[in-house]
């Protein structure tokens, strides 16, 4: 589903935060990427989500070599990836209600009417009732807003879901609810998952395998881990 080959990326060419990285996520696989804050995990996640152009290397998504990023990426590739970021308040338009936030990708792709029922179903699955859906981000908790962001990421039925520290700011019960929603979605649609984080216990329980960011600046060899 995702192939990164020799990727080097960052925000200052003199000090790249990702150097010559190669990583593969198979169809339907859940891969965890473990590492401390500041090691480059989020930059890698943005490259994989087609939101950040690498300086070197190749990105392949669903077997297709990526040549454009952000809005220059073909729509069928952009919509094949769903992303949930660590800080929901930076990822949400403060002017939108939670209901409008969830439906945002449908409107952006001209499918608002077609996906209205799915947006409602995802809101319900995420534990967001009608009253919460009428509120704006400043009127809800971080956990409630992150539930809406996850529902938004699943609306277009992505084949790859990237969770970049999705639960880092959440309590244990909300974390469990969001992970369960992701796994329900993956069972239904066979989607792949790249889960980025620094919580070793969560990633071991959640993912089929985990790659740990080594001292040399790249993730070390993947190691299979039993779930549960």
C-alpha atoms as a PDB file:
ATOM      1  CA  UNK A   1       0.000   0.000   0.000  1.00  0.00           C
ATOM      2  CA  UNK A   2       2.850   2.372   0.874  1.00  0.00           C
ATOM      3  CA  UNK A   3       6.485   2.228  -0.199  1.00  0.00           C
ATOM      4  CA  UNK A   4       9.067   4.816   0.814  1.00  0.00           C
ATOM      5  CA  UNK A   5      12.485   4.335  -0.763  1.00  0.00           C
ATOM      6  CA  UNK A   6      15.548   6.404   0.127  1.00  0.00           C
ATOM      7  CA  UNK A   7      13.468   9.302   1.440  1.00  0.00           C
ATOM      8  CA  UNK A   8      15.257  12.383   2.769  1.00  0.00           C
ATOM      9  CA  UNK A   9      13.055  15.226   4.007  1.00  0.00           C
ATOM     10  CA  UNK A  10      12.836  18.154   6.390  1.00  0.00           C
ATOM     11  CA  UNK A  11      12.399  21.912   6.502  1.00  0.00           C
ATOM     12  CA  UNK A  12      16.020  23.036   6.215  1.00  0.00           C
ATOM     13  CA  UNK A  13      18.207  21.331   3.635  1.00  0.00           C
ATOM     14  CA  UNK A  14      21.241  21.717   5.876  1.00  0.00           C
ATOM     15  CA  UNK A  15      19.638  19.643   8.634  1.00  0.00           C
ATOM     16  CA  UNK A  16      17.161  17.056   7.259  1.00  0.00           C
ATOM     17  CA  UNK A  17      15.153  15.277   9.946  1.00  0.00           C
ATOM     18  CA  UNK A  18      14.618  12.155   7.813  1.00  0.00           C
ATOM     19  CA  UNK A  19      17.648  10.717   6.026  1.00  0.00           C
ATOM     20  CA  UNK A  20      17.665   7.983   3.383  1.00  0.00           C
ATOM     21  CA  UNK A  21      14.678   6.183   4.872  1.00  0.00           C
ATOM     22  CA  UNK A  22      12.972   3.146   3.353  1.00  0.00           C
ATOM     23  CA  UNK A  23       9.730   1.739   4.730  1.00  0.00           C
ATOM     24  CA  UNK A  24       6.887  -0.434   3.460  1.00  0.00           C
ATOM     25  CA  UNK A  25       3.311  -0.895   4.683  1.00  0.00           C
ATOM     26  CA  UNK A  26       1.611  -3.869   3.020  1.00  0.00           C
ATOM     27  CA  UNK A  27      -2.050  -3.961   2.050  1.00  0.00           C
ATOM     28  CA  UNK A  28      -4.100  -4.416   5.212  1.00  0.00           C
ATOM     29  CA  UNK A  29      -1.041  -4.245   7.504  1.00  0.00           C
ATOM     30  CA  UNK A  30      -0.903  -2.237  10.735  1.00  0.00           C
ATOM     31  CA  UNK A  31       2.625  -0.872  11.149  1.00  0.00           C
ATOM     32  CA  UNK A  32       3.697   1.098  14.214  1.00  0.00           C
ATOM     33  CA  UNK A  33       6.521   3.634  14.045  1.00  0.00           C
ATOM     34  CA  UNK A  34       7.973   4.235  17.502  1.00  0.00           C
ATOM     35  CA  UNK A  35      10.342   7.020  18.468  1.00  0.00           C
ATOM     36  CA  UNK A  36      10.910  10.009  20.753  1.00  0.00           C
ATOM     37  CA  UNK A  37       9.613  13.503  20.088  1.00  0.00           C
ATOM     38  CA  UNK A  38      11.661  15.443  17.544  1.00  0.00           C
ATOM     39  CA  UNK A  39      13.130  12.427  15.728  1.00  0.00           C
ATOM     40  CA  UNK A  40      11.264  13.084  12.452  1.00  0.00           C
ATOM     41  CA  UNK A  41       8.251  10.776  12.773  1.00  0.00           C
ATOM     42  CA  UNK A  42       5.703  13.494  12.000  1.00  0.00           C
ATOM     43  CA  UNK A  43       7.679  14.683   8.973  1.00  0.00           C
ATOM     44  CA  UNK A  44       7.695  11.126   7.690  1.00  0.00           C
ATOM     45  CA  UNK A  45       3.936  10.875   8.285  1.00  0.00           C
ATOM     46  CA  UNK A  46       3.366  14.051   6.274  1.00  0.00           C
ATOM     47  CA  UNK A  47       5.472  12.695   3.409  1.00  0.00           C
ATOM     48  CA  UNK A  48       3.474   9.451   3.443  1.00  0.00           C
ATOM     49  CA  UNK A  49       0.216  11.444   3.473  1.00  0.00           C
ATOM     50  CA  UNK A  50       1.350  13.436   0.401  1.00  0.00           C
ATOM     51  CA  UNK A  51       1.427  16.644   2.442  1.00  0.00           C
ATOM     52  CA  UNK A  52       5.194  17.242   2.336  1.00  0.00           C
ATOM     53  CA  UNK A  53       7.500  16.783  -0.662  1.00  0.00           C
ATOM     54  CA  UNK A  54      10.739  14.931   0.150  1.00  0.00           C
ATOM     55  CA  UNK A  55      14.009  16.280  -1.174  1.00  0.00           C
ATOM     56  CA  UNK A  56      15.170  12.852  -2.265  1.00  0.00           C
ATOM     57  CA  UNK A  57      13.702   9.399  -2.670  1.00  0.00           C
ATOM     58  CA  UNK A  58      10.543   7.811  -4.024  1.00  0.00           C
ATOM     59  CA  UNK A  59       7.046   7.482  -2.591  1.00  0.00           C
ATOM     60  CA  UNK A  60       4.702   4.856  -4.035  1.00  0.00           C
ATOM     61  CA  UNK A  61       1.075   4.630  -2.997  1.00  0.00           C
ATOM     62  CA  UNK A  62      -1.026   1.626  -4.000  1.00  0.00           C
ATOM     63  CA  UNK A  63       1.645   0.745  -6.564  1.00  0.00           C
ATOM     64  CA  UNK A  64       1.686   4.202  -8.178  1.00  0.00           C
ATOM     65  CA  UNK A  65       4.726   6.496  -7.996  1.00  0.00           C
ATOM     66  CA  UNK A  66       3.809   9.849  -6.468  1.00  0.00           C
ATOM     67  CA  UNK A  67       4.894  12.896  -8.472  1.00  0.00           C
ATOM     68  CA  UNK A  68       2.814  15.657  -6.867  1.00  0.00           C
ATOM     69  CA  UNK A  69       2.106  16.620  -3.278  1.00  0.00           C
ATOM     70  CA  UNK A  70      -0.674  18.455  -1.479  1.00  0.00           C
ATOM     71  CA  UNK A  71      -3.146  19.786  -4.055  1.00  0.00           C
ATOM     72  CA  UNK A  72      -0.839  18.829  -6.930  1.00  0.00           C
ATOM     73  CA  UNK A  73      -1.308  15.155  -6.089  1.00  0.00           C
ATOM     74  CA  UNK A  74      -3.996  13.392  -8.146  1.00  0.00           C
ATOM     75  CA  UNK A  75      -7.337  13.271  -6.341  1.00  0.00           C
ATOM     76  CA  UNK A  76      -7.506   9.468  -6.413  1.00  0.00           C
ATOM     77  CA  UNK A  77      -4.228   9.320  -4.463  1.00  0.00           C
ATOM     78  CA  UNK A  78      -5.109  12.120  -2.037  1.00  0.00           C
ATOM     79  CA  UNK A  79      -8.392  10.455  -1.147  1.00  0.00           C
ATOM     80  CA  UNK A  80      -6.731   7.040  -0.724  1.00  0.00           C
ATOM     81  CA  UNK A  81      -5.103   8.327   2.480  1.00  0.00           C
ATOM     82  CA  UNK A  82      -6.817   9.439   5.678  1.00  0.00           C
ATOM     83  CA  UNK A  83      -4.797  11.332   8.299  1.00  0.00           C
ATOM     84  CA  UNK A  84      -5.384  12.068  11.974  1.00  0.00           C
ATOM     85  CA  UNK A  85      -2.914  14.473  13.606  1.00  0.00           C
ATOM     86  CA  UNK A  86      -1.821  14.836  17.215  1.00  0.00           C
ATOM     87  CA  UNK A  87      -3.343  18.264  17.857  1.00  0.00           C
ATOM     88  CA  UNK A  88      -6.961  18.378  16.683  1.00  0.00           C
ATOM     89  CA  UNK A  89      -7.291  22.122  17.283  1.00  0.00           C
ATOM     90  CA  UNK A  90      -4.616  22.800  14.683  1.00  0.00           C
ATOM     91  CA  UNK A  91      -6.312  20.412  12.239  1.00  0.00           C
ATOM     92  CA  UNK A  92      -9.855  21.806  12.539  1.00  0.00           C
ATOM     93  CA  UNK A  93     -11.385  24.966  11.079  1.00  0.00           C
ATOM     94  CA  UNK A  94     -12.663  26.834  14.160  1.00  0.00           C
ATOM     95  CA  UNK A  95     -15.576  28.235  12.138  1.00  0.00           C
ATOM     96  CA  UNK A  96     -17.091  24.817  11.431  1.00  0.00           C
ATOM     97  CA  UNK A  97     -19.410  22.811  13.637  1.00  0.00           C
ATOM     98  CA  UNK A  98     -18.309  19.257  14.340  1.00  0.00           C
ATOM     99  CA  UNK A  99     -20.964  18.037  11.919  1.00  0.00           C
ATOM    100  CA  UNK A 100     -19.614  20.253   9.154  1.00  0.00           C
ATOM    101  CA  UNK A 101     -16.047  19.253  10.054  1.00  0.00           C
ATOM    102  CA  UNK A 102     -16.829  15.562   9.533  1.00  0.00           C
ATOM    103  CA  UNK A 103     -18.564  16.282   6.220  1.00  0.00           C
ATOM    104  CA  UNK A 104     -15.783  18.578   4.961  1.00  0.00           C
ATOM    105  CA  UNK A 105     -14.094  16.011   2.641  1.00  0.00           C
ATOM    106  CA  UNK A 106     -17.442  15.150   1.055  1.00  0.00           C
ATOM    107  CA  UNK A 107     -18.122  18.783   0.204  1.00  0.00           C
ATOM    108  CA  UNK A 108     -14.574  19.267  -1.068  1.00  0.00           C
ATOM    109  CA  UNK A 109     -15.023  16.385  -3.513  1.00  0.00           C
ATOM    110  CA  UNK A 110     -18.568  17.310  -4.525  1.00  0.00           C
ATOM    111  CA  UNK A 111     -20.106  14.313  -2.749  1.00  0.00           C
ATOM    112  CA  UNK A 112     -21.918  16.034   0.097  1.00  0.00           C
ATOM    113  CA  UNK A 113     -25.356  14.598  -0.600  1.00  0.00           C
ATOM    114  CA  UNK A 114     -24.009  11.150  -1.486  1.00  0.00           C
ATOM    115  CA  UNK A 115     -22.074  10.796   1.779  1.00  0.00           C
ATOM    116  CA  UNK A 116     -24.493  12.523   4.171  1.00  0.00           C
ATOM    117  CA  UNK A 117     -25.717   9.237   5.668  1.00  0.00           C
ATOM    118  CA  UNK A 118     -22.167   7.927   6.016  1.00  0.00           C
ATOM    119  CA  UNK A 119     -21.081  11.115   7.815  1.00  0.00           C
ATOM    120  CA  UNK A 120     -23.954  10.687  10.258  1.00  0.00           C
ATOM    121  CA  UNK A 121     -23.100   7.021  10.822  1.00  0.00           C
ATOM    122  CA  UNK A 122     -19.440   7.818  11.483  1.00  0.00           C
ATOM    123  CA  UNK A 123     -20.381  10.565  13.937  1.00  0.00           C
ATOM    124  CA  UNK A 124     -22.533   8.066  15.814  1.00  0.00           C
ATOM    125  CA  UNK A 125     -19.778   5.430  15.756  1.00  0.00           C
ATOM    126  CA  UNK A 126     -17.357   8.028  17.138  1.00  0.00           C
ATOM    127  CA  UNK A 127     -19.700   8.738  20.060  1.00  0.00           C
ATOM    128  CA  UNK A 128     -20.820  12.186  18.910  1.00  0.00           C
ATOM    129  CA  UNK A 129     -24.493  12.901  19.500  1.00  0.00           C
ATOM    130  CA  UNK A 130     -26.655  15.460  17.713  1.00  0.00           C
ATOM    131  CA  UNK A 131     -26.080  18.136  20.322  1.00  0.00           C
ATOM    132  CA  UNK A 132     -22.277  17.856  20.046  1.00  0.00           C
ATOM    133  CA  UNK A 133     -22.401  17.980  16.252  1.00  0.00           C
ATOM    134  CA  UNK A 134     -23.882  21.490  16.462  1.00  0.00           C
ATOM    135  CA  UNK A 135     -20.942  22.769  18.528  1.00  0.00           C
ATOM    136  CA  UNK A 136     -17.753  24.384  17.258  1.00  0.00           C
ATOM    137  CA  UNK A 137     -14.232  23.308  18.263  1.00  0.00           C
ATOM    138  CA  UNK A 138     -13.896  25.847  21.091  1.00  0.00           C
ATOM    139  CA  UNK A 139     -17.075  24.438  22.648  1.00  0.00           C
ATOM    140  CA  UNK A 140     -15.866  20.827  22.963  1.00  0.00           C
ATOM    141  CA  UNK A 141     -13.019  18.937  24.628  1.00  0.00           C
ATOM    142  CA  UNK A 142      -9.863  17.738  22.869  1.00  0.00           C
ATOM    143  CA  UNK A 143     -11.190  14.191  22.959  1.00  0.00           C
ATOM    144  CA  UNK A 144     -14.515  15.125  21.385  1.00  0.00           C
ATOM    145  CA  UNK A 145     -12.772  17.134  18.686  1.00  0.00           C
ATOM    146  CA  UNK A 146     -10.355  14.285  17.954  1.00  0.00           C
ATOM    147  CA  UNK A 147     -13.324  11.924  17.569  1.00  0.00           C
ATOM    148  CA  UNK A 148     -14.676  14.263  14.892  1.00  0.00           C
ATOM    149  CA  UNK A 149     -11.271  14.446  13.185  1.00  0.00           C
ATOM    150  CA  UNK A 150     -11.079  10.654  13.026  1.00  0.00           C
ATOM    151  CA  UNK A 151     -14.601  10.419  11.589  1.00  0.00           C
ATOM    152  CA  UNK A 152     -13.580  13.015   8.990  1.00  0.00           C
ATOM    153  CA  UNK A 153     -10.495  10.967   8.068  1.00  0.00           C
ATOM    154  CA  UNK A 154     -12.628   7.859   7.473  1.00  0.00           C
ATOM    155  CA  UNK A 155     -15.392   9.530   5.477  1.00  0.00           C
ATOM    156  CA  UNK A 156     -13.976   8.889   1.989  1.00  0.00           C
ATOM    157  CA  UNK A 157     -13.091   5.271   2.837  1.00  0.00           C
ATOM    158  CA  UNK A 158      -9.295   5.602   2.637  1.00  0.00           C
ATOM    159  CA  UNK A 159      -7.195   2.522   1.883  1.00  0.00           C
ATOM    160  CA  UNK A 160      -4.401   3.785   4.156  1.00  0.00           C
ATOM    161  CA  UNK A 161      -4.950   5.501   7.507  1.00  0.00           C
ATOM    162  CA  UNK A 162      -2.084   7.474   9.058  1.00  0.00           C
ATOM    163  CA  UNK A 163      -2.423   8.239  12.774  1.00  0.00           C
ATOM    164  CA  UNK A 164       0.295  10.686  13.843  1.00  0.00           C
ATOM    165  CA  UNK A 165       0.308  10.627  17.667  1.00  0.00           C
ATOM    166  CA  UNK A 166      -3.493  10.492  17.426  1.00  0.00           C
ATOM    167  CA  UNK A 167      -4.021   9.657  21.106  1.00  0.00           C
ATOM    168  CA  UNK A 168      -1.116  11.553  22.691  1.00  0.00           C
ATOM    169  CA  UNK A 169      -3.368  14.235  24.229  1.00  0.00           C
ATOM    170  CA  UNK A 170      -6.246  11.945  25.216  1.00  0.00           C
ATOM    171  CA  UNK A 171      -7.288  10.015  28.299  1.00  0.00           C
ATOM    172  CA  UNK A 172      -7.318   6.217  28.400  1.00  0.00           C
ATOM    173  CA  UNK A 173     -11.044   5.779  27.704  1.00  0.00           C
ATOM    174  CA  UNK A 174     -11.001   8.071  24.659  1.00  0.00           C
ATOM    175  CA  UNK A 175      -7.842   6.396  23.395  1.00  0.00           C
ATOM    176  CA  UNK A 176      -9.523   2.994  23.618  1.00  0.00           C
ATOM    177  CA  UNK A 177     -12.631   4.267  21.811  1.00  0.00           C
ATOM    178  CA  UNK A 178     -10.664   5.759  18.920  1.00  0.00           C
ATOM    179  CA  UNK A 179      -8.437   2.715  18.488  1.00  0.00           C
ATOM    180  CA  UNK A 180     -11.547   0.518  18.468  1.00  0.00           C
ATOM    181  CA  UNK A 181     -13.136   2.691  15.775  1.00  0.00           C
ATOM    182  CA  UNK A 182      -9.991   2.439  13.640  1.00  0.00           C
ATOM    183  CA  UNK A 183      -9.910  -1.339  14.012  1.00  0.00           C
ATOM    184  CA  UNK A 184     -13.612  -1.680  13.177  1.00  0.00           C
ATOM    185  CA  UNK A 185     -12.979   0.325  10.021  1.00  0.00           C
ATOM    186  CA  UNK A 186      -9.938  -1.765   9.078  1.00  0.00           C
ATOM    187  CA  UNK A 187     -11.822  -5.032   9.558  1.00  0.00           C
ATOM    188  CA  UNK A 188     -14.643  -3.799   7.348  1.00  0.00           C
ATOM    189  CA  UNK A 189     -12.535  -2.293   4.569  1.00  0.00           C
ATOM    190  CA  UNK A 190      -9.174  -4.084   4.776  1.00  0.00           C
ATOM    191  CA  UNK A 191      -7.336  -0.776   5.124  1.00  0.00           C
ATOM    192  CA  UNK A 192      -3.666  -0.452   6.040  1.00  0.00           C
ATOM    193  CA  UNK A 193      -2.501   1.576   9.042  1.00  0.00           C
ATOM    194  CA  UNK A 194       0.646   3.555   9.807  1.00  0.00           C
ATOM    195  CA  UNK A 195       0.492   4.464  13.496  1.00  0.00           C
ATOM    196  CA  UNK A 196       3.164   6.931  14.604  1.00  0.00           C
ATOM    197  CA  UNK A 197       3.820   7.437  18.302  1.00  0.00           C
ATOM    198  CA  UNK A 198       6.048   7.176  21.341  1.00  0.00           C
ATOM    199  CA  UNK A 199       3.768   4.932  23.444  1.00  0.00           C
ATOM    200  CA  UNK A 200       5.441   1.555  23.169  1.00  0.00           C
ATOM    201  CA  UNK A 201       2.668  -0.347  24.979  1.00  0.00           C
ATOM    202  CA  UNK A 202      -0.092   1.094  22.767  1.00  0.00           C
ATOM    203  CA  UNK A 203       1.765   0.401  19.522  1.00  0.00           C
ATOM    204  CA  UNK A 204       2.629  -3.163  20.578  1.00  0.00           C
ATOM    205  CA  UNK A 205      -1.015  -3.900  21.324  1.00  0.00           C
ATOM    206  CA  UNK A 206      -2.392  -2.088  18.284  1.00  0.00           C
ATOM    207  CA  UNK A 207      -0.083  -3.014  15.412  1.00  0.00           C
ATOM    208  CA  UNK A 208       1.034  -6.159  13.626  1.00  0.00           C
ATOM    209  CA  UNK A 209       4.647  -4.996  13.833  1.00  0.00           C
ATOM    210  CA  UNK A 210       6.604  -2.007  15.129  1.00  0.00           C
ATOM    211  CA  UNK A 211       9.693  -0.238  13.813  1.00  0.00           C
ATOM    212  CA  UNK A 212      11.674   1.700  16.353  1.00  0.00           C
ATOM    213  CA  UNK A 213      13.506   4.874  15.381  1.00  0.00           C
ATOM    214  CA  UNK A 214      17.180   4.153  15.971  1.00  0.00           C
ATOM    215  CA  UNK A 215      19.922   6.423  17.168  1.00  0.00           C
ATOM    216  CA  UNK A 216      21.148   6.790  13.595  1.00  0.00           C
ATOM    217  CA  UNK A 217      18.037   8.734  12.586  1.00  0.00           C
ATOM    218  CA  UNK A 218      16.147   5.942  10.841  1.00  0.00           C
ATOM    219  CA  UNK A 219      13.758   3.251  12.035  1.00  0.00           C
ATOM    220  CA  UNK A 220      15.455  -0.038  12.768  1.00  0.00           C
ATOM    221  CA  UNK A 221      14.423  -3.385  11.361  1.00  0.00           C
ATOM    222  CA  UNK A 222      10.769  -4.295  11.781  1.00  0.00           C
ATOM    223  CA  UNK A 223       9.996  -6.794  14.512  1.00  0.00           C
ATOM    224  CA  UNK A 224       6.746  -8.783  14.613  1.00  0.00           C
ATOM    225  CA  UNK A 225       4.898  -8.412  17.917  1.00  0.00           C
ATOM    226  CA  UNK A 226       1.993 -10.410  19.266  1.00  0.00           C
ATOM    227  CA  UNK A 227      -1.205  -8.465  19.768  1.00  0.00           C
ATOM    228  CA  UNK A 228      -3.207  -8.451  22.999  1.00  0.00           C
END
